[in-house]
Amino acid sequence: MRVVWINSNDTIAPPQYTVTFACYEPPEEFDAQKSKAIVGEAELLRFLYVINIDADDLKTGSRVLYERGYVEFANIVLSDERLVNFDLR
Protein backbone atom coordinates (compact mmCIF):
# COMPACT_ATOMS: atom_id res chain seq x y z
CA MET A 1 0.00 0.00 0.00
CA ARG A 2 1.32 3.43 -0.91
CA VAL A 3 0.35 6.72 0.75
CA VAL A 4 1.29 9.91 -1.10
CA TRP A 5 1.05 13.36 0.49
CA ILE A 6 -0.10 15.21 -2.61
CA ASN A 7 0.07 18.78 -1.29
CA SER A 8 3.18 18.51 0.89
CA ASN A 9 4.47 21.86 -0.40
CA ASP A 10 1.38 23.74 0.80
CA THR A 11 1.94 24.82 4.40
CA ILE A 12 -1.52 26.43 4.76
CA ALA A 13 -4.02 23.89 3.38
CA PRO A 14 -4.97 20.73 5.27
CA PRO A 15 -2.82 17.80 4.15
CA GLN A 16 -4.27 15.74 1.31
CA TYR A 17 -3.27 12.15 0.68
CA THR A 18 -3.92 9.39 -1.82
CA VAL A 19 -3.86 5.75 -0.78
CA THR A 20 -3.35 3.02 -3.39
CA PHE A 21 -3.22 -0.74 -2.93
CA ALA A 22 -1.22 -3.02 -5.21
CA CYS A 23 -3.06 -6.04 -6.46
CA TYR A 24 -1.31 -9.40 -6.17
CA GLU A 25 -3.51 -11.19 -8.70
CA PRO A 26 -2.28 -11.92 -12.22
CA PRO A 27 -2.50 -8.72 -14.34
CA GLU A 28 -5.13 -10.13 -16.69
CA GLU A 29 -7.56 -10.44 -13.77
CA PHE A 30 -7.74 -6.80 -12.67
CA ASP A 31 -8.08 -3.28 -14.02
CA ALA A 32 -6.16 -0.19 -12.96
CA GLN A 33 -6.22 0.22 -9.20
CA LYS A 34 -8.28 3.01 -7.69
CA SER A 35 -6.85 5.48 -5.25
CA LYS A 36 -8.59 6.72 -2.13
CA ALA A 37 -8.43 10.44 -1.38
CA ILE A 38 -8.05 11.37 2.28
CA VAL A 39 -8.01 14.90 3.68
CA GLY A 40 -6.38 15.65 7.03
CA GLU A 41 -3.83 13.87 9.16
CA ALA A 42 -6.43 12.67 11.68
CA GLU A 43 -8.49 11.07 8.90
CA LEU A 44 -5.40 9.36 7.47
CA LEU A 45 -4.45 7.98 10.89
CA ARG A 46 -8.04 6.77 11.42
CA PHE A 47 -7.99 4.97 8.07
CA LEU A 48 -4.62 3.34 8.78
CA TYR A 49 -5.91 2.22 12.18
CA VAL A 50 -9.07 0.73 10.62
CA ILE A 51 -7.02 -1.38 8.21
CA ASN A 52 -4.83 -2.59 11.11
CA ILE A 53 -1.49 -0.91 10.46
CA ASP A 54 0.79 -1.94 13.33
CA ALA A 55 1.57 0.91 15.79
CA ASP A 56 5.34 0.61 15.21
CA ASP A 57 4.86 0.61 11.42
CA LEU A 58 2.57 3.62 11.76
CA LYS A 59 5.16 5.55 13.77
CA THR A 60 7.95 4.78 11.31
CA GLY A 61 5.68 5.29 8.31
CA SER A 62 4.53 8.70 9.54
CA ARG A 63 8.12 9.86 9.84
CA VAL A 64 8.95 8.61 6.33
CA LEU A 65 5.79 10.21 4.91
CA TYR A 66 6.72 13.64 6.26
CA GLU A 67 10.36 13.30 5.15
CA ARG A 68 9.76 11.97 1.61
CA GLY A 69 6.17 12.87 0.79
CA TYR A 70 5.19 9.22 0.41
CA VAL A 71 5.42 5.93 2.28
CA GLU A 72 4.80 2.31 1.43
CA PHE A 73 3.48 -0.32 3.81
CA ALA A 74 4.24 -3.90 2.76
CA ASN A 75 2.02 -6.94 3.15
CA ILE A 76 -1.25 -5.13 3.81
CA VAL A 77 -3.92 -7.59 2.75
CA LEU A 78 -7.55 -6.61 2.43
CA SER A 79 -10.33 -8.84 1.19
CA ASP A 80 -12.17 -7.90 -1.99
CA GLU A 81 -15.13 -6.98 0.20
CA ARG A 82 -13.07 -4.53 2.27
CA LEU A 83 -11.52 -3.03 -0.87
CA VAL A 84 -15.04 -2.40 -2.17
CA ASN A 85 -16.12 -0.93 1.20
CA PHE A 86 -13.20 1.52 1.02
CA ASP A 87 -14.02 2.27 -2.64
CA LEU A 88 -10.68 0.90 -3.74
CA ARG A 89 -11.97 -1.70 -6.19
PDB file of N, CA and C in Angstrom:
ATOM      1  N   MET A   1       0.842  -1.158   0.000  1.00  0.00           N
ATOM      2  CA  MET A   1       0.000   0.000   0.000  1.00  0.00           C
ATOM      3  C   MET A   1       0.894   1.228   0.000  1.00  0.00           C
ATOM      4  N   ARG A   2       0.531   2.191  -0.818  1.00  0.00           N
ATOM      5  CA  ARG A   2       1.316   3.429  -0.905  1.00  0.00           C
ATOM      6  C   ARG A   2       0.436   4.611  -0.486  1.00  0.00           C
ATOM      7  N   VAL A   3       0.998   5.468   0.354  1.00  0.00           N
ATOM      8  CA  VAL A   3       0.354   6.719   0.746  1.00  0.00           C
ATOM      9  C   VAL A   3       1.211   7.845   0.194  1.00  0.00           C
ATOM     10  N   VAL A   4       0.584   8.758  -0.542  1.00  0.00           N
ATOM     11  CA  VAL A   4       1.288   9.908  -1.098  1.00  0.00           C
ATOM     12  C   VAL A   4       0.658  11.176  -0.535  1.00  0.00           C
ATOM     13  N   TRP A   5       1.491  12.057  -0.022  1.00  0.00           N
ATOM     14  CA  TRP A   5       1.050  13.359   0.492  1.00  0.00           C
ATOM     15  C   TRP A   5       1.082  14.309  -0.698  1.00  0.00           C
ATOM     16  N   ILE A   6      -0.074  14.535  -1.316  1.00  0.00           N
ATOM     17  CA  ILE A   6      -0.103  15.210  -2.606  1.00  0.00           C
ATOM     18  C   ILE A   6       0.073  16.722  -2.528  1.00  0.00           C
ATOM     19  N   ASN A   7      -0.139  17.329  -1.393  1.00  0.00           N
ATOM     20  CA  ASN A   7       0.066  18.775  -1.286  1.00  0.00           C
ATOM     21  C   ASN A   7       1.108  19.107  -0.207  1.00  0.00           C
ATOM     22  N   SER A   8       2.164  18.345  -0.172  1.00  0.00           N
ATOM     23  CA  SER A   8       3.178  18.509   0.886  1.00  0.00           C
ATOM     24  C   SER A   8       3.876  19.860   0.837  1.00  0.00           C
ATOM     25  N   ASN A   9       3.827  20.545  -0.296  1.00  0.00           N
ATOM     26  CA  ASN A   9       4.468  21.858  -0.402  1.00  0.00           C
ATOM     27  C   ASN A   9       3.589  22.998   0.090  1.00  0.00           C
ATOM     28  N   ASP A  10       2.324  22.715   0.356  1.00  0.00           N
ATOM     29  CA  ASP A  10       1.378  23.735   0.799  1.00  0.00           C
ATOM     30  C   ASP A  10       1.326  23.736   2.325  1.00  0.00           C
ATOM     31  N   THR A  11       1.871  24.770   2.941  1.00  0.00           N
ATOM     32  CA  THR A  11       1.938  24.816   4.405  1.00  0.00           C
ATOM     33  C   THR A  11       0.659  25.354   5.036  1.00  0.00           C
ATOM     34  N   ILE A  12      -0.291  25.838   4.218  1.00  0.00           N
ATOM     35  CA  ILE A  12      -1.520  26.426   4.756  1.00  0.00           C
ATOM     36  C   ILE A  12      -2.695  25.451   4.705  1.00  0.00           C
ATOM     37  N   ALA A  13      -2.866  24.777   3.577  1.00  0.00           N
ATOM     38  CA  ALA A  13      -4.017  23.885   3.383  1.00  0.00           C
ATOM     39  C   ALA A  13      -3.884  22.624   4.231  1.00  0.00           C
ATOM     40  N   PRO A  14      -5.025  22.022   4.578  1.00  0.00           N
ATOM     41  CA  PRO A  14      -4.968  20.728   5.268  1.00  0.00           C
ATOM     42  C   PRO A  14      -4.256  19.712   4.378  1.00  0.00           C
ATOM     43  N   PRO A  15      -3.506  18.792   4.973  1.00  0.00           N
ATOM     44  CA  PRO A  15      -2.816  17.795   4.155  1.00  0.00           C
ATOM     45  C   PRO A  15      -3.811  16.916   3.399  1.00  0.00           C
ATOM     46  N   GLN A  16      -3.456  16.607   2.147  1.00  0.00           N
ATOM     47  CA  GLN A  16      -4.268  15.737   1.311  1.00  0.00           C
ATOM     48  C   GLN A  16      -3.409  14.558   0.883  1.00  0.00           C
ATOM     49  N   TYR A  17      -3.994  13.376   0.962  1.00  0.00           N
ATOM     50  CA  TYR A  17      -3.272  12.146   0.678  1.00  0.00           C
ATOM     51  C   TYR A  17      -4.034  11.311  -0.344  1.00  0.00           C
ATOM     52  N   THR A  18      -3.302  10.456  -1.040  1.00  0.00           N
ATOM     53  CA  THR A  18      -3.925   9.392  -1.822  1.00  0.00           C
ATOM     54  C   THR A  18      -3.364   8.073  -1.314  1.00  0.00           C
ATOM     55  N   VAL A  19      -4.238   7.094  -1.222  1.00  0.00           N
ATOM     56  CA  VAL A  19      -3.864   5.754  -0.781  1.00  0.00           C
ATOM     57  C   VAL A  19      -4.173   4.800  -1.926  1.00  0.00           C
ATOM     58  N   THR A  20      -3.176   3.984  -2.304  1.00  0.00           N
ATOM     59  CA  THR A  20      -3.349   3.024  -3.388  1.00  0.00           C
ATOM     60  C   THR A  20      -2.845   1.656  -2.943  1.00  0.00           C
ATOM     61  N   PHE A  21      -3.618   0.624  -3.233  1.00  0.00           N
ATOM     62  CA  PHE A  21      -3.218  -0.740  -2.925  1.00  0.00           C
ATOM     63  C   PHE A  21      -2.734  -1.419  -4.196  1.00  0.00           C
ATOM     64  N   ALA A  22      -1.686  -2.187  -4.092  1.00  0.00           N
ATOM     65  CA  ALA A  22      -1.217  -3.016  -5.206  1.00  0.00           C
ATOM     66  C   ALA A  22      -2.011  -4.312  -5.181  1.00  0.00           C
ATOM     67  N   CYS A  23      -2.332  -4.791  -6.340  1.00  0.00           N
ATOM     68  CA  CYS A  23      -3.065  -6.043  -6.458  1.00  0.00           C
ATOM     69  C   CYS A  23      -2.077  -7.172  -6.722  1.00  0.00           C
ATOM     70  N   TYR A  24      -2.222  -8.273  -6.012  1.00  0.00           N
ATOM     71  CA  TYR A  24      -1.305  -9.401  -6.166  1.00  0.00           C
ATOM     72  C   TYR A  24      -1.822 -10.474  -7.110  1.00  0.00           C
ATOM     73  N   GLU A  25      -2.966 -10.226  -7.758  1.00  0.00           N
ATOM     74  CA  GLU A  25      -3.509 -11.187  -8.699  1.00  0.00           C
ATOM     75  C   GLU A  25      -2.775 -11.060 -10.029  1.00  0.00           C
ATOM     76  N   PRO A  26      -2.887 -12.059 -10.881  1.00  0.00           N
ATOM     77  CA  PRO A  26      -2.281 -11.919 -12.219  1.00  0.00           C
ATOM     78  C   PRO A  26      -2.866 -10.707 -12.938  1.00  0.00           C
ATOM     79  N   PRO A  27      -2.053  -9.959 -13.695  1.00  0.00           N
ATOM     80  CA  PRO A  27      -2.503  -8.721 -14.336  1.00  0.00           C
ATOM     81  C   PRO A  27      -3.745  -8.861 -15.198  1.00  0.00           C
ATOM     82  N   GLU A  28      -3.956  -9.999 -15.818  1.00  0.00           N
ATOM     83  CA  GLU A  28      -5.126 -10.133 -16.689  1.00  0.00           C
ATOM     84  C   GLU A  28      -6.432 -10.192 -15.897  1.00  0.00           C
ATOM     85  N   GLU A  29      -6.351 -10.306 -14.573  1.00  0.00           N
ATOM     86  CA  GLU A  29      -7.561 -10.436 -13.766  1.00  0.00           C
ATOM     87  C   GLU A  29      -7.991  -9.155 -13.073  1.00  0.00           C
ATOM     88  N   PHE A  30      -7.307  -8.038 -13.316  1.00  0.00           N
ATOM     89  CA  PHE A  30      -7.735  -6.798 -12.673  1.00  0.00           C
ATOM     90  C   PHE A  30      -7.475  -5.592 -13.565  1.00  0.00           C
ATOM     91  N   ASP A  31      -8.251  -4.542 -13.311  1.00  0.00           N
ATOM     92  CA  ASP A  31      -8.082  -3.276 -14.025  1.00  0.00           C
ATOM     93  C   ASP A  31      -7.146  -2.385 -13.217  1.00  0.00           C
ATOM     94  N   ALA A  32      -6.981  -1.158 -13.685  1.00  0.00           N
ATOM     95  CA  ALA A  32      -6.157  -0.187 -12.956  1.00  0.00           C
ATOM     96  C   ALA A  32      -6.709  -0.030 -11.538  1.00  0.00           C
ATOM     97  N   GLN A  33      -5.809   0.089 -10.601  1.00  0.00           N
ATOM     98  CA  GLN A  33      -6.217   0.216  -9.202  1.00  0.00           C
ATOM     99  C   GLN A  33      -6.704   1.624  -8.910  1.00  0.00           C
ATOM    100  N   LYS A  34      -7.759   1.720  -8.120  1.00  0.00           N
ATOM    101  CA  LYS A  34      -8.282   3.005  -7.694  1.00  0.00           C
ATOM    102  C   LYS A  34      -7.441   3.539  -6.543  1.00  0.00           C
ATOM    103  N   SER A  35      -7.474   4.846  -6.400  1.00  0.00           N
ATOM    104  CA  SER A  35      -6.852   5.481  -5.245  1.00  0.00           C
ATOM    105  C   SER A  35      -7.948   6.056  -4.368  1.00  0.00           C
ATOM    106  N   LYS A  36      -7.659   6.121  -3.088  1.00  0.00           N
ATOM    107  CA  LYS A  36      -8.586   6.723  -2.132  1.00  0.00           C
ATOM    108  C   LYS A  36      -8.029   8.071  -1.720  1.00  0.00           C
ATOM    109  N   ALA A  37      -8.838   9.105  -1.823  1.00  0.00           N
ATOM    110  CA  ALA A  37      -8.429  10.439  -1.382  1.00  0.00           C
ATOM    111  C   ALA A  37      -8.778  10.600   0.095  1.00  0.00           C
ATOM    112  N   ILE A  38      -7.840  11.125   0.848  1.00  0.00           N
ATOM    113  CA  ILE A  38      -8.050  11.370   2.277  1.00  0.00           C
ATOM    114  C   ILE A  38      -7.558  12.775   2.581  1.00  0.00           C
ATOM    115  N   VAL A  39      -8.377  13.540   3.306  1.00  0.00           N
ATOM    116  CA  VAL A  39      -8.011  14.898   3.684  1.00  0.00           C
ATOM    117  C   VAL A  39      -7.828  14.958   5.194  1.00  0.00           C
ATOM    118  N   GLY A  40      -6.668  15.451   5.609  1.00  0.00           N
ATOM    119  CA  GLY A  40      -6.385  15.650   7.031  1.00  0.00           C
ATOM    120  C   GLY A  40      -5.607  14.502   7.644  1.00  0.00           C
ATOM    121  N   GLU A  41      -4.673  14.875   8.503  1.00  0.00           N
ATOM    122  CA  GLU A  41      -3.835  13.869   9.156  1.00  0.00           C
ATOM    123  C   GLU A  41      -4.641  12.944  10.051  1.00  0.00           C
ATOM    124  N   ALA A  42      -5.612  13.501  10.781  1.00  0.00           N
ATOM    125  CA  ALA A  42      -6.434  12.675  11.677  1.00  0.00           C
ATOM    126  C   ALA A  42      -7.208  11.621  10.892  1.00  0.00           C
ATOM    127  N   GLU A  43      -7.734  12.017   9.727  1.00  0.00           N
ATOM    128  CA  GLU A  43      -8.494  11.070   8.896  1.00  0.00           C
ATOM    129  C   GLU A  43      -7.578   9.983   8.340  1.00  0.00           C
ATOM    130  N   LEU A  44      -6.359  10.354   7.947  1.00  0.00           N
ATOM    131  CA  LEU A  44      -5.399   9.360   7.474  1.00  0.00           C
ATOM    132  C   LEU A  44      -5.070   8.366   8.580  1.00  0.00           C
ATOM    133  N   LEU A  45      -4.781   8.871   9.772  1.00  0.00           N
ATOM    134  CA  LEU A  45      -4.450   7.982  10.889  1.00  0.00           C
ATOM    135  C   LEU A  45      -5.620   7.073  11.234  1.00  0.00           C
ATOM    136  N   ARG A  46      -6.859   7.593  11.154  1.00  0.00           N
ATOM    137  CA  ARG A  46      -8.043   6.769  11.417  1.00  0.00           C
ATOM    138  C   ARG A  46      -8.133   5.646  10.390  1.00  0.00           C
ATOM    139  N   PHE A  47      -7.935   5.976   9.121  1.00  0.00           N
ATOM    140  CA  PHE A  47      -7.994   4.973   8.065  1.00  0.00           C
ATOM    141  C   PHE A  47      -6.930   3.894   8.281  1.00  0.00           C
ATOM    142  N   LEU A  48      -5.704   4.305   8.568  1.00  0.00           N
ATOM    143  CA  LEU A  48      -4.620   3.337   8.779  1.00  0.00           C
ATOM    144  C   LEU A  48      -4.904   2.449   9.988  1.00  0.00           C
ATOM    145  N   TYR A  49      -5.523   3.008  11.011  1.00  0.00           N
ATOM    146  CA  TYR A  49      -5.909   2.222  12.185  1.00  0.00           C
ATOM    147  C   TYR A  49      -6.977   1.190  11.805  1.00  0.00           C
ATOM    148  N   VAL A  50      -7.962   1.618  11.018  1.00  0.00           N
ATOM    149  CA  VAL A  50      -9.068   0.733  10.616  1.00  0.00           C
ATOM    150  C   VAL A  50      -8.557  -0.459   9.813  1.00  0.00           C
ATOM    151  N   ILE A  51      -7.529  -0.254   9.002  1.00  0.00           N
ATOM    152  CA  ILE A  51      -7.016  -1.378   8.209  1.00  0.00           C
ATOM    153  C   ILE A  51      -5.897  -2.132   8.934  1.00  0.00           C
ATOM    154  N   ASN A  52      -5.724  -1.836  10.218  1.00  0.00           N
ATOM    155  CA  ASN A  52      -4.826  -2.589  11.107  1.00  0.00           C
ATOM    156  C   ASN A  52      -3.339  -2.411  10.831  1.00  0.00           C
ATOM    157  N   ILE A  53      -2.921  -1.182  10.547  1.00  0.00           N
ATOM    158  CA  ILE A  53      -1.490  -0.912  10.463  1.00  0.00           C
ATOM    159  C   ILE A  53      -0.923  -0.989  11.871  1.00  0.00           C
ATOM    160  N   ASP A  54       0.117  -1.757  12.047  1.00  0.00           N
ATOM    161  CA  ASP A  54       0.786  -1.937  13.333  1.00  0.00           C
ATOM    162  C   ASP A  54       1.269  -0.575  13.860  1.00  0.00           C
ATOM    163  N   ALA A  55       1.188  -0.368  15.180  1.00  0.00           N
ATOM    164  CA  ALA A  55       1.573   0.908  15.794  1.00  0.00           C
ATOM    165  C   ALA A  55       3.021   1.286  15.482  1.00  0.00           C
ATOM    166  N   ASP A  56       3.935   0.323  15.518  1.00  0.00           N
ATOM    167  CA  ASP A  56       5.339   0.609  15.208  1.00  0.00           C
ATOM    168  C   ASP A  56       5.503   0.992  13.733  1.00  0.00           C
ATOM    169  N   ASP A  57       4.813   0.281  12.849  1.00  0.00           N
ATOM    170  CA  ASP A  57       4.861   0.611  11.425  1.00  0.00           C
ATOM    171  C   ASP A  57       4.270   1.991  11.174  1.00  0.00           C
ATOM    172  N   LEU A  58       3.212   2.319  11.901  1.00  0.00           N
ATOM    173  CA  LEU A  58       2.575   3.620  11.757  1.00  0.00           C
ATOM    174  C   LEU A  58       3.517   4.741  12.188  1.00  0.00           C
ATOM    175  N   LYS A  59       4.211   4.544  13.276  1.00  0.00           N
ATOM    176  CA  LYS A  59       5.156   5.555  13.766  1.00  0.00           C
ATOM    177  C   LYS A  59       6.285   5.775  12.754  1.00  0.00           C
ATOM    178  N   THR A  60       6.878   4.692  12.304  1.00  0.00           N
ATOM    179  CA  THR A  60       7.955   4.784  11.309  1.00  0.00           C
ATOM    180  C   THR A  60       7.422   5.342   9.992  1.00  0.00           C
ATOM    181  N   GLY A  61       6.277   4.845   9.569  1.00  0.00           N
ATOM    182  CA  GLY A  61       5.684   5.289   8.314  1.00  0.00           C
ATOM    183  C   GLY A  61       5.343   6.767   8.322  1.00  0.00           C
ATOM    184  N   SER A  62       4.846   7.278   9.433  1.00  0.00           N
ATOM    185  CA  SER A  62       4.527   8.701   9.538  1.00  0.00           C
ATOM    186  C   SER A  62       5.772   9.548   9.360  1.00  0.00           C
ATOM    187  N   ARG A  63       6.859   9.129   9.967  1.00  0.00           N
ATOM    188  CA  ARG A  63       8.120   9.861   9.836  1.00  0.00           C
ATOM    189  C   ARG A  63       8.589   9.873   8.374  1.00  0.00           C
ATOM    190  N   VAL A  64       8.537   8.709   7.732  1.00  0.00           N
ATOM    191  CA  VAL A  64       8.951   8.607   6.331  1.00  0.00           C
ATOM    192  C   VAL A  64       8.037   9.460   5.444  1.00  0.00           C
ATOM    193  N   LEU A  65       6.742   9.435   5.695  1.00  0.00           N
ATOM    194  CA  LEU A  65       5.787  10.208   4.909  1.00  0.00           C
ATOM    195  C   LEU A  65       6.127  11.693   4.948  1.00  0.00           C
ATOM    196  N   TYR A  66       6.431  12.211   6.132  1.00  0.00           N
ATOM    197  CA  TYR A  66       6.722  13.637   6.260  1.00  0.00           C
ATOM    198  C   TYR A  66       8.115  13.994   5.754  1.00  0.00           C
ATOM    199  N   GLU A  67       9.020  13.047   5.701  1.00  0.00           N
ATOM    200  CA  GLU A  67      10.355  13.304   5.151  1.00  0.00           C
ATOM    201  C   GLU A  67      10.361  13.239   3.626  1.00  0.00           C
ATOM    202  N   ARG A  68       9.680  12.236   3.051  1.00  0.00           N
ATOM    203  CA  ARG A  68       9.758  11.973   1.608  1.00  0.00           C
ATOM    204  C   ARG A  68       8.532  12.414   0.816  1.00  0.00           C
ATOM    205  N   GLY A  69       7.413  12.552   1.497  1.00  0.00           N
ATOM    206  CA  GLY A  69       6.174  12.874   0.795  1.00  0.00           C
ATOM    207  C   GLY A  69       5.380  11.642   0.393  1.00  0.00           C
ATOM    208  N   TYR A  70       5.913  10.465   0.669  1.00  0.00           N
ATOM    209  CA  TYR A  70       5.191   9.216   0.407  1.00  0.00           C
ATOM    210  C   TYR A  70       5.752   8.134   1.333  1.00  0.00           C
ATOM    211  N   VAL A  71       4.980   7.089   1.505  1.00  0.00           N
ATOM    212  CA  VAL A  71       5.424   5.934   2.279  1.00  0.00           C
ATOM    213  C   VAL A  71       4.718   4.703   1.729  1.00  0.00           C
ATOM    214  N   GLU A  72       5.389   3.573   1.837  1.00  0.00           N
ATOM    215  CA  GLU A  72       4.795   2.305   1.428  1.00  0.00           C
ATOM    216  C   GLU A  72       4.775   1.360   2.614  1.00  0.00           C
ATOM    217  N   PHE A  73       3.648   0.703   2.789  1.00  0.00           N
ATOM    218  CA  PHE A  73       3.480  -0.318   3.808  1.00  0.00           C
ATOM    219  C   PHE A  73       3.358  -1.656   3.090  1.00  0.00           C
ATOM    220  N   ALA A  74       4.242  -2.587   3.419  1.00  0.00           N
ATOM    221  CA  ALA A  74       4.243  -3.899   2.757  1.00  0.00           C
ATOM    222  C   ALA A  74       3.273  -4.858   3.437  1.00  0.00           C
ATOM    223  N   ASN A  75       2.814  -5.812   2.655  1.00  0.00           N
ATOM    224  CA  ASN A  75       2.018  -6.938   3.149  1.00  0.00           C
ATOM    225  C   ASN A  75       0.718  -6.533   3.834  1.00  0.00           C
ATOM    226  N   ILE A  76       0.076  -5.508   3.320  1.00  0.00           N
ATOM    227  CA  ILE A  76      -1.246  -5.125   3.808  1.00  0.00           C
ATOM    228  C   ILE A  76      -2.254  -5.858   2.924  1.00  0.00           C
ATOM    229  N   VAL A  77      -2.991  -6.763   3.520  1.00  0.00           N
ATOM    230  CA  VAL A  77      -3.916  -7.586   2.750  1.00  0.00           C
ATOM    231  C   VAL A  77      -5.338  -7.251   3.176  1.00  0.00           C
ATOM    232  N   LEU A  78      -6.140  -6.874   2.188  1.00  0.00           N
ATOM    233  CA  LEU A  78      -7.551  -6.610   2.428  1.00  0.00           C
ATOM    234  C   LEU A  78      -8.363  -7.502   1.500  1.00  0.00           C
ATOM    235  N   SER A  79      -9.447  -8.016   2.018  1.00  0.00           N
ATOM    236  CA  SER A  79     -10.328  -8.844   1.189  1.00  0.00           C
ATOM    237  C   SER A  79     -10.956  -7.982   0.099  1.00  0.00           C
ATOM    238  N   ASP A  80     -11.467  -8.639  -0.932  1.00  0.00           N
ATOM    239  CA  ASP A  80     -12.171  -7.904  -1.986  1.00  0.00           C
ATOM    240  C   ASP A  80     -13.325  -7.101  -1.404  1.00  0.00           C
ATOM    241  N   GLU A  81     -14.008  -7.676  -0.434  1.00  0.00           N
ATOM    242  CA  GLU A  81     -15.133  -6.985   0.202  1.00  0.00           C
ATOM    243  C   GLU A  81     -14.678  -5.688   0.877  1.00  0.00           C
ATOM    244  N   ARG A  82     -13.571  -5.749   1.606  1.00  0.00           N
ATOM    245  CA  ARG A  82     -13.069  -4.531   2.274  1.00  0.00           C
ATOM    246  C   ARG A  82     -12.565  -3.511   1.262  1.00  0.00           C
ATOM    247  N   LEU A  83     -11.949  -3.968   0.174  1.00  0.00           N
ATOM    248  CA  LEU A  83     -11.522  -3.034  -0.873  1.00  0.00           C
ATOM    249  C   LEU A  83     -12.727  -2.302  -1.450  1.00  0.00           C
ATOM    250  N   VAL A  84     -13.816  -3.024  -1.666  1.00  0.00           N
ATOM    251  CA  VAL A  84     -15.039  -2.396  -2.169  1.00  0.00           C
ATOM    252  C   VAL A  84     -15.584  -1.421  -1.126  1.00  0.00           C
ATOM    253  N   ASN A  85     -15.604  -1.814   0.149  1.00  0.00           N
ATOM    254  CA  ASN A  85     -16.118  -0.935   1.202  1.00  0.00           C
ATOM    255  C   ASN A  85     -15.333   0.373   1.277  1.00  0.00           C
ATOM    256  N   PHE A  86     -14.039   0.325   1.000  1.00  0.00           N
ATOM    257  CA  PHE A  86     -13.204   1.521   1.020  1.00  0.00           C
ATOM    258  C   PHE A  86     -13.155   2.209  -0.339  1.00  0.00           C
ATOM    259  N   ASP A  87     -13.976   1.736  -1.277  1.00  0.00           N
ATOM    260  CA  ASP A  87     -14.024   2.269  -2.641  1.00  0.00           C
ATOM    261  C   ASP A  87     -12.659   2.217  -3.320  1.00  0.00           C
ATOM    262  N   LEU A  88     -11.981   1.099  -3.126  1.00  0.00           N
ATOM    263  CA  LEU A  88     -10.680   0.895  -3.741  1.00  0.00           C
ATOM    264  C   LEU A  88     -10.699  -0.192  -4.813  1.00  0.00           C
ATOM    265  N   ARG A  89     -11.865  -0.678  -5.134  1.00  0.00           N
ATOM    266  CA  ARG A  89     -11.973  -1.695  -6.186  1.00  0.00           C
ATOM    267  C   ARG A  89     -13.235  -1.501  -6.983  1.00  0.00           C
TER     268      ARG A  89
END
